[in-house]
Amino acid sequence: YSGTITAPCEVLYYVEEGEMNIKTETGEGEFHVEPESILFIPANEPHRLFNNSGRRSRILMSGAGSFAAINSKSV
């Protein structure tokens, strides 16, 4: 799993391969994302990525802003 990720812009996750769980930290819950699915995360929403499948996952992360400003804290 990842550390907590916070982006100053809206973020889209697209799953190309495998599956992913994405958990938000401010109450929206946990989402299971499978291939060809897209999940929208609002700006400044702390979230974490999990892969509990035991298989490799490949995801694309996209947003309308500077990725240099993304804050990721390790666990």
PDB file of N, CA and C in Angstrom:
ATOM      1  N   TYR A   1       0.834  -1.176   0.000  1.00  0.00           N
ATOM      2  CA  TYR A   1       0.000   0.000   0.000  1.00  0.00           C
ATOM      3  C   TYR A   1       0.876   1.235   0.000  1.00  0.00           C
ATOM      4  N   SER A   2       0.280   2.334  -0.395  1.00  0.00           N
ATOM      5  CA  SER A   2       1.049   3.573  -0.479  1.00  0.00           C
ATOM      6  C   SER A   2       0.948   4.343   0.825  1.00  0.00           C
ATOM      7  N   GLY A   3       1.781   5.342   0.940  1.00  0.00           N
ATOM      8  CA  GLY A   3       1.603   6.314   1.999  1.00  0.00           C
ATOM      9  C   GLY A   3       0.421   7.199   1.633  1.00  0.00           C
ATOM     10  N   THR A   4       0.120   8.165   2.463  1.00  0.00           N
ATOM     11  CA  THR A   4      -0.976   9.083   2.173  1.00  0.00           C
ATOM     12  C   THR A   4      -0.562  10.047   1.062  1.00  0.00           C
ATOM     13  N   ILE A   5      -1.430  10.169   0.060  1.00  0.00           N
ATOM     14  CA  ILE A   5      -1.193  11.043  -1.087  1.00  0.00           C
ATOM     15  C   ILE A   5      -2.188  12.196  -1.022  1.00  0.00           C
ATOM     16  N   THR A   6      -1.695  13.423  -1.155  1.00  0.00           N
ATOM     17  CA  THR A   6      -2.569  14.594  -1.219  1.00  0.00           C
ATOM     18  C   THR A   6      -2.103  15.444  -2.394  1.00  0.00           C
ATOM     19  N   ALA A   7      -3.023  15.735  -3.308  1.00  0.00           N
ATOM     20  CA  ALA A   7      -2.691  16.539  -4.490  1.00  0.00           C
ATOM     21  C   ALA A   7      -3.459  17.854  -4.444  1.00  0.00           C
ATOM     22  N   PRO A   8      -2.833  18.953  -4.866  1.00  0.00           N
ATOM     23  CA  PRO A   8      -3.517  20.248  -4.865  1.00  0.00           C
ATOM     24  C   PRO A   8      -4.500  20.404  -6.024  1.00  0.00           C
ATOM     25  N   CYS A   9      -4.625  19.354  -6.826  1.00  0.00           N
ATOM     26  CA  CYS A   9      -5.545  19.383  -7.965  1.00  0.00           C
ATOM     27  C   CYS A   9      -6.381  18.106  -7.959  1.00  0.00           C
ATOM     28  N   GLU A  10      -7.434  18.108  -8.757  1.00  0.00           N
ATOM     29  CA  GLU A  10      -8.238  16.900  -8.910  1.00  0.00           C
ATOM     30  C   GLU A  10      -7.381  15.816  -9.558  1.00  0.00           C
ATOM     31  N   VAL A  11      -7.573  14.574  -9.138  1.00  0.00           N
ATOM     32  CA  VAL A  11      -6.778  13.459  -9.657  1.00  0.00           C
ATOM     33  C   VAL A  11      -7.712  12.380 -10.196  1.00  0.00           C
ATOM     34  N   LEU A  12      -7.334  11.808 -11.331  1.00  0.00           N
ATOM     35  CA  LEU A  12      -8.046  10.663 -11.899  1.00  0.00           C
ATOM     36  C   LEU A  12      -7.111   9.468 -11.887  1.00  0.00           C
ATOM     37  N   TYR A  13      -7.608   8.325 -11.443  1.00  0.00           N
ATOM     38  CA  TYR A  13      -6.865   7.075 -11.514  1.00  0.00           C
ATOM     39  C   TYR A  13      -7.561   6.179 -12.534  1.00  0.00           C
ATOM     40  N   TYR A  14      -6.793   5.643 -13.463  1.00  0.00           N
ATOM     41  CA  TYR A  14      -7.304   4.717 -14.469  1.00  0.00           C
ATOM     42  C   TYR A  14      -6.534   3.409 -14.313  1.00  0.00           C
ATOM     43  N   VAL A  15      -7.248   2.308 -14.150  1.00  0.00           N
ATOM     44  CA  VAL A  15      -6.611   1.005 -13.970  1.00  0.00           C
ATOM     45  C   VAL A  15      -6.462   0.342 -15.334  1.00  0.00           C
ATOM     46  N   GLU A  16      -5.214   0.115 -15.737  1.00  0.00           N
ATOM     47  CA  GLU A  16      -4.930  -0.563 -17.007  1.00  0.00           C
ATOM     48  C   GLU A  16      -4.897  -2.075 -16.828  1.00  0.00           C
ATOM     49  N   GLU A  17      -4.360  -2.509 -15.693  1.00  0.00           N
ATOM     50  CA  GLU A  17      -4.142  -3.944 -15.462  1.00  0.00           C
ATOM     51  C   GLU A  17      -4.300  -4.221 -13.970  1.00  0.00           C
ATOM     52  N   GLY A  18      -4.863  -5.370 -13.638  1.00  0.00           N
ATOM     53  CA  GLY A  18      -5.019  -5.751 -12.241  1.00  0.00           C
ATOM     54  C   GLY A  18      -6.174  -5.015 -11.599  1.00  0.00           C
ATOM     55  N   GLU A  19      -6.045  -4.754 -10.319  1.00  0.00           N
ATOM     56  CA  GLU A  19      -7.083  -4.045  -9.591  1.00  0.00           C
ATOM     57  C   GLU A  19      -6.443  -3.237  -8.472  1.00  0.00           C
ATOM     58  N   MET A  20      -7.202  -2.304  -7.940  1.00  0.00           N
ATOM     59  CA  MET A  20      -6.670  -1.408  -6.924  1.00  0.00           C
ATOM     60  C   MET A  20      -7.799  -0.994  -5.992  1.00  0.00           C
ATOM     61  N   ASN A  21      -7.483  -0.838  -4.722  1.00  0.00           N
ATOM     62  CA  ASN A  21      -8.398  -0.234  -3.765  1.00  0.00           C
ATOM     63  C   ASN A  21      -7.838   1.132  -3.418  1.00  0.00           C
ATOM     64  N   ILE A  22      -8.705   2.110  -3.374  1.00  0.00           N
ATOM     65  CA  ILE A  22      -8.309   3.468  -3.029  1.00  0.00           C
ATOM     66  C   ILE A  22      -9.178   3.906  -1.860  1.00  0.00           C
ATOM     67  N   LYS A  23      -8.522   4.296  -0.778  1.00  0.00           N
ATOM     68  CA  LYS A  23      -9.242   4.692   0.430  1.00  0.00           C
ATOM     69  C   LYS A  23      -9.007   6.171   0.696  1.00  0.00           C
ATOM     70  N   THR A  24     -10.111   6.916   0.813  1.00  0.00           N
ATOM     71  CA  THR A  24     -10.002   8.325   1.162  1.00  0.00           C
ATOM     72  C   THR A  24      -9.976   8.441   2.684  1.00  0.00           C
ATOM     73  N   GLU A  25      -9.399   9.525   3.170  1.00  0.00           N
ATOM     74  CA  GLU A  25      -9.226   9.665   4.609  1.00  0.00           C
ATOM     75  C   GLU A  25     -10.210  10.627   5.252  1.00  0.00           C
ATOM     76  N   THR A  26     -11.097  11.239   4.463  1.00  0.00           N
ATOM     77  CA  THR A  26     -12.033  12.192   5.055  1.00  0.00           C
ATOM     78  C   THR A  26     -13.484  11.722   4.972  1.00  0.00           C
ATOM     79  N   GLY A  27     -13.701  10.427   4.867  1.00  0.00           N
ATOM     80  CA  GLY A  27     -15.049   9.918   5.016  1.00  0.00           C
ATOM     81  C   GLY A  27     -15.764   9.377   3.804  1.00  0.00           C
ATOM     82  N   GLU A  28     -15.230   9.532   2.596  1.00  0.00           N
ATOM     83  CA  GLU A  28     -15.918   9.001   1.425  1.00  0.00           C
ATOM     84  C   GLU A  28     -15.823   7.486   1.333  1.00  0.00           C
ATOM     85  N   GLY A  29     -14.853   6.885   1.987  1.00  0.00           N
ATOM     86  CA  GLY A  29     -14.787   5.436   2.028  1.00  0.00           C
ATOM     87  C   GLY A  29     -13.676   4.823   1.213  1.00  0.00           C
ATOM     88  N   GLU A  30     -13.875   3.543   0.902  1.00  0.00           N
ATOM     89  CA  GLU A  30     -12.900   2.778   0.138  1.00  0.00           C
ATOM     90  C   GLU A  30     -13.548   2.323  -1.156  1.00  0.00           C
ATOM     91  N   PHE A  31     -12.800   2.444  -2.254  1.00  0.00           N
ATOM     92  CA  PHE A  31     -13.320   2.121  -3.577  1.00  0.00           C
ATOM     93  C   PHE A  31     -12.478   1.031  -4.212  1.00  0.00           C
ATOM     94  N   HIS A  32     -13.136   0.062  -4.830  1.00  0.00           N
ATOM     95  CA  HIS A  32     -12.461  -1.013  -5.553  1.00  0.00           C
ATOM     96  C   HIS A  32     -12.513  -0.650  -7.033  1.00  0.00           C
ATOM     97  N   VAL A  33     -11.333  -0.578  -7.671  1.00  0.00           N
ATOM     98  CA  VAL A  33     -11.257  -0.156  -9.062  1.00  0.00           C
ATOM     99  C   VAL A  33     -10.642  -1.288  -9.882  1.00  0.00           C
ATOM    100  N   GLU A  34     -11.330  -1.679 -10.951  1.00  0.00           N
ATOM    101  CA  GLU A  34     -10.886  -2.775 -11.817  1.00  0.00           C
ATOM    102  C   GLU A  34     -10.474  -2.220 -13.179  1.00  0.00           C
ATOM    103  N   PRO A  35      -9.908  -3.078 -14.052  1.00  0.00           N
ATOM    104  CA  PRO A  35      -9.460  -2.605 -15.366  1.00  0.00           C
ATOM    105  C   PRO A  35     -10.524  -1.818 -16.124  1.00  0.00           C
ATOM    106  N   GLU A  36     -10.056  -0.769 -16.789  1.00  0.00           N
ATOM    107  CA  GLU A  36     -10.866   0.140 -17.584  1.00  0.00           C
ATOM    108  C   GLU A  36     -11.823   0.972 -16.746  1.00  0.00           C
ATOM    109  N   SER A  37     -11.572   1.047 -15.447  1.00  0.00           N
ATOM    110  CA  SER A  37     -12.361   1.895 -14.554  1.00  0.00           C
ATOM    111  C   SER A  37     -11.580   3.165 -14.247  1.00  0.00           C
ATOM    112  N   ILE A  38     -12.325   4.217 -13.957  1.00  0.00           N
ATOM    113  CA  ILE A  38     -11.727   5.504 -13.601  1.00  0.00           C
ATOM    114  C   ILE A  38     -12.301   5.939 -12.260  1.00  0.00           C
ATOM    115  N   LEU A  39     -11.433   6.459 -11.397  1.00  0.00           N
ATOM    116  CA  LEU A  39     -11.882   6.996 -10.118  1.00  0.00           C
ATOM    117  C   LEU A  39     -11.388   8.431  -9.993  1.00  0.00           C
ATOM    118  N   PHE A  40     -12.297   9.314  -9.620  1.00  0.00           N
ATOM    119  CA  PHE A  40     -12.019  10.737  -9.443  1.00  0.00           C
ATOM    120  C   PHE A  40     -11.782  11.018  -7.959  1.00  0.00           C
ATOM    121  N   ILE A  41     -10.681  11.705  -7.644  1.00  0.00           N
ATOM    122  CA  ILE A  41     -10.383  12.142  -6.278  1.00  0.00           C
ATOM    123  C   ILE A  41     -10.333  13.670  -6.298  1.00  0.00           C
ATOM    124  N   PRO A  42     -11.138  14.335  -5.451  1.00  0.00           N
ATOM    125  CA  PRO A  42     -11.120  15.804  -5.418  1.00  0.00           C
ATOM    126  C   PRO A  42      -9.773  16.354  -4.952  1.00  0.00           C
ATOM    127  N   ALA A  43      -9.505  17.595  -5.283  1.00  0.00           N
ATOM    128  CA  ALA A  43      -8.284  18.268  -4.846  1.00  0.00           C
ATOM    129  C   ALA A  43      -8.193  18.262  -3.318  1.00  0.00           C
ATOM    130  N   ASN A  44      -6.989  18.102  -2.822  1.00  0.00           N
ATOM    131  CA  ASN A  44      -6.676  18.129  -1.389  1.00  0.00           C
ATOM    132  C   ASN A  44      -7.333  17.012  -0.580  1.00  0.00           C
ATOM    133  N   GLU A  45      -7.781  15.949  -1.235  1.00  0.00           N
ATOM    134  CA  GLU A  45      -8.369  14.793  -0.547  1.00  0.00           C
ATOM    135  C   GLU A  45      -7.261  13.785  -0.242  1.00  0.00           C
ATOM    136  N   PRO A  46      -6.883  13.626   1.028  1.00  0.00           N
ATOM    137  CA  PRO A  46      -5.867  12.622   1.361  1.00  0.00           C
ATOM    138  C   PRO A  46      -6.397  11.222   1.041  1.00  0.00           C
ATOM    139  N   HIS A  47      -5.577  10.405   0.398  1.00  0.00           N
ATOM    140  CA  HIS A  47      -6.013   9.050   0.052  1.00  0.00           C
ATOM    141  C   HIS A  47      -4.803   8.125  -0.014  1.00  0.00           C
ATOM    142  N   ARG A  48      -5.082   6.821   0.006  1.00  0.00           N
ATOM    143  CA  ARG A  48      -4.039   5.796  -0.064  1.00  0.00           C
ATOM    144  C   ARG A  48      -4.440   4.754  -1.098  1.00  0.00           C
ATOM    145  N   LEU A  49      -3.438   4.141  -1.709  1.00  0.00           N
ATOM    146  CA  LEU A  49      -3.657   3.094  -2.708  1.00  0.00           C
ATOM    147  C   LEU A  49      -3.285   1.744  -2.109  1.00  0.00           C
ATOM    148  N   PHE A  50      -4.124   0.734  -2.359  1.00  0.00           N
ATOM    149  CA  PHE A  50      -3.878  -0.621  -1.875  1.00  0.00           C
ATOM    150  C   PHE A  50      -4.043  -1.605  -3.023  1.00  0.00           C
ATOM    151  N   ASN A  51      -3.213  -2.627  -3.044  1.00  0.00           N
ATOM    152  CA  ASN A  51      -3.379  -3.731  -3.983  1.00  0.00           C
ATOM    153  C   ASN A  51      -3.360  -5.001  -3.148  1.00  0.00           C
ATOM    154  N   ASN A  52      -4.541  -5.521  -2.862  1.00  0.00           N
ATOM    155  CA  ASN A  52      -4.663  -6.728  -2.038  1.00  0.00           C
ATOM    156  C   ASN A  52      -4.860  -7.985  -2.871  1.00  0.00           C
ATOM    157  N   SER A  53      -4.711  -7.875  -4.185  1.00  0.00           N
ATOM    158  CA  SER A  53      -5.042  -8.989  -5.073  1.00  0.00           C
ATOM    159  C   SER A  53      -3.936 -10.040  -5.170  1.00  0.00           C
ATOM    160  N   GLY A  54      -2.700  -9.666  -4.831  1.00  0.00           N
ATOM    161  CA  GLY A  54      -1.599 -10.597  -5.016  1.00  0.00           C
ATOM    162  C   GLY A  54      -1.102 -10.634  -6.457  1.00  0.00           C
ATOM    163  N   ARG A  55      -1.709  -9.818  -7.320  1.00  0.00           N
ATOM    164  CA  ARG A  55      -1.289  -9.717  -8.721  1.00  0.00           C
ATOM    165  C   ARG A  55      -0.774  -8.315  -8.999  1.00  0.00           C
ATOM    166  N   ARG A  56       0.015  -8.192 -10.023  1.00  0.00           N
ATOM    167  CA  ARG A  56       0.539  -6.899 -10.436  1.00  0.00           C
ATOM    168  C   ARG A  56      -0.597  -6.002 -10.921  1.00  0.00           C
ATOM    169  N   SER A  57      -0.505  -4.731 -10.579  1.00  0.00           N
ATOM    170  CA  SER A  57      -1.458  -3.735 -11.061  1.00  0.00           C
ATOM    171  C   SER A  57      -0.697  -2.619 -11.762  1.00  0.00           C
ATOM    172  N   ARG A  58      -1.331  -2.071 -12.781  1.00  0.00           N
ATOM    173  CA  ARG A  58      -0.750  -0.917 -13.464  1.00  0.00           C
ATOM    174  C   ARG A  58      -1.849   0.138 -13.556  1.00  0.00           C
ATOM    175  N   ILE A  59      -1.558   1.313 -12.999  1.00  0.00           N
ATOM    176  CA  ILE A  59      -2.532   2.394 -13.005  1.00  0.00           C
ATOM    177  C   ILE A  59      -1.899   3.646 -13.591  1.00  0.00           C
ATOM    178  N   LEU A  60      -2.741   4.486 -14.162  1.00  0.00           N
ATOM    179  CA  LEU A  60      -2.323   5.794 -14.638  1.00  0.00           C
ATOM    180  C   LEU A  60      -2.942   6.834 -13.721  1.00  0.00           C
ATOM    181  N   MET A  61      -2.150   7.825 -13.369  1.00  0.00           N
ATOM    182  CA  MET A  61      -2.617   8.917 -12.522  1.00  0.00           C
ATOM    183  C   MET A  61      -2.573  10.178 -13.369  1.00  0.00           C
ATOM    184  N   SER A  62      -3.671  10.923 -13.395  1.00  0.00           N
ATOM    185  CA  SER A  62      -3.737  12.130 -14.206  1.00  0.00           C
ATOM    186  C   SER A  62      -4.410  13.233 -13.400  1.00  0.00           C
ATOM    187  N   GLY A  63      -4.031  14.462 -13.687  1.00  0.00           N
ATOM    188  CA  GLY A  63      -4.649  15.585 -13.001  1.00  0.00           C
ATOM    189  C   GLY A  63      -4.389  16.874 -13.749  1.00  0.00           C
ATOM    190  N   ALA A  64      -5.106  17.918 -13.374  1.00  0.00           N
ATOM    191  CA  ALA A  64      -4.946  19.220 -14.011  1.00  0.00           C
ATOM    192  C   ALA A  64      -4.192  20.141 -13.066  1.00  0.00           C
ATOM    193  N   GLY A  65      -2.911  19.933 -12.965  1.00  0.00           N
ATOM    194  CA  GLY A  65      -2.090  20.747 -12.080  1.00  0.00           C
ATOM    195  C   GLY A  65      -0.671  20.231 -12.074  1.00  0.00           C
ATOM    196  N   SER A  66       0.125  20.777 -11.206  1.00  0.00           N
ATOM    197  CA  SER A  66       1.529  20.391 -11.118  1.00  0.00           C
ATOM    198  C   SER A  66       1.694  19.154 -10.232  1.00  0.00           C
ATOM    199  N   PHE A  67       2.224  18.097 -10.802  1.00  0.00           N
ATOM    200  CA  PHE A  67       2.469  16.901 -10.009  1.00  0.00           C
ATOM    201  C   PHE A  67       3.651  17.090  -9.086  1.00  0.00           C
ATOM    202  N   ALA A  68       4.445  18.127  -9.310  1.00  0.00           N
ATOM    203  CA  ALA A  68       5.561  18.423  -8.407  1.00  0.00           C
ATOM    204  C   ALA A  68       5.042  18.853  -7.038  1.00  0.00           C
ATOM    205  N   ALA A  69       3.809  19.318  -6.982  1.00  0.00           N
ATOM    206  CA  ALA A  69       3.235  19.793  -5.724  1.00  0.00           C
ATOM    207  C   ALA A  69       2.504  18.693  -4.944  1.00  0.00           C
ATOM    208  N   ILE A  70       2.518  17.462  -5.443  1.00  0.00           N
ATOM    209  CA  ILE A  70       1.844  16.369  -4.748  1.00  0.00           C
ATOM    210  C   ILE A  70       2.627  16.014  -3.486  1.00  0.00           C
ATOM    211  N   ASN A  71       1.891  15.861  -2.413  1.00  0.00           N
ATOM    212  CA  ASN A  71       2.489  15.502  -1.134  1.00  0.00           C
ATOM    213  C   ASN A  71       2.196  14.033  -0.884  1.00  0.00           C
ATOM    214  N   SER A  72       3.219  13.239  -0.712  1.00  0.00           N
ATOM    215  CA  SER A  72       3.063  11.812  -0.415  1.00  0.00           C
ATOM    216  C   SER A  72       3.855  11.497   0.830  1.00  0.00           C
ATOM    217  N   LYS A  73       3.149  11.038   1.860  1.00  0.00           N
ATOM    218  CA  LYS A  73       3.807  10.692   3.120  1.00  0.00           C
ATOM    219  C   LYS A  73       3.881   9.185   3.248  1.00  0.00           C
ATOM    220  N   SER A  74       5.067   8.694   3.518  1.00  0.00           N
ATOM    221  CA  SER A  74       5.261   7.251   3.694  1.00  0.00           C
ATOM    222  C   SER A  74       4.656   6.793   5.004  1.00  0.00           C
ATOM    223  N   VAL A  75       4.384   5.507   5.044  1.00  0.00           N
ATOM    224  CA  VAL A  75       3.838   4.914   6.263  1.00  0.00           C
ATOM    225  C   VAL A  75       4.945   4.488   7.175  1.00  0.00           C
TER     226      VAL A  75
END
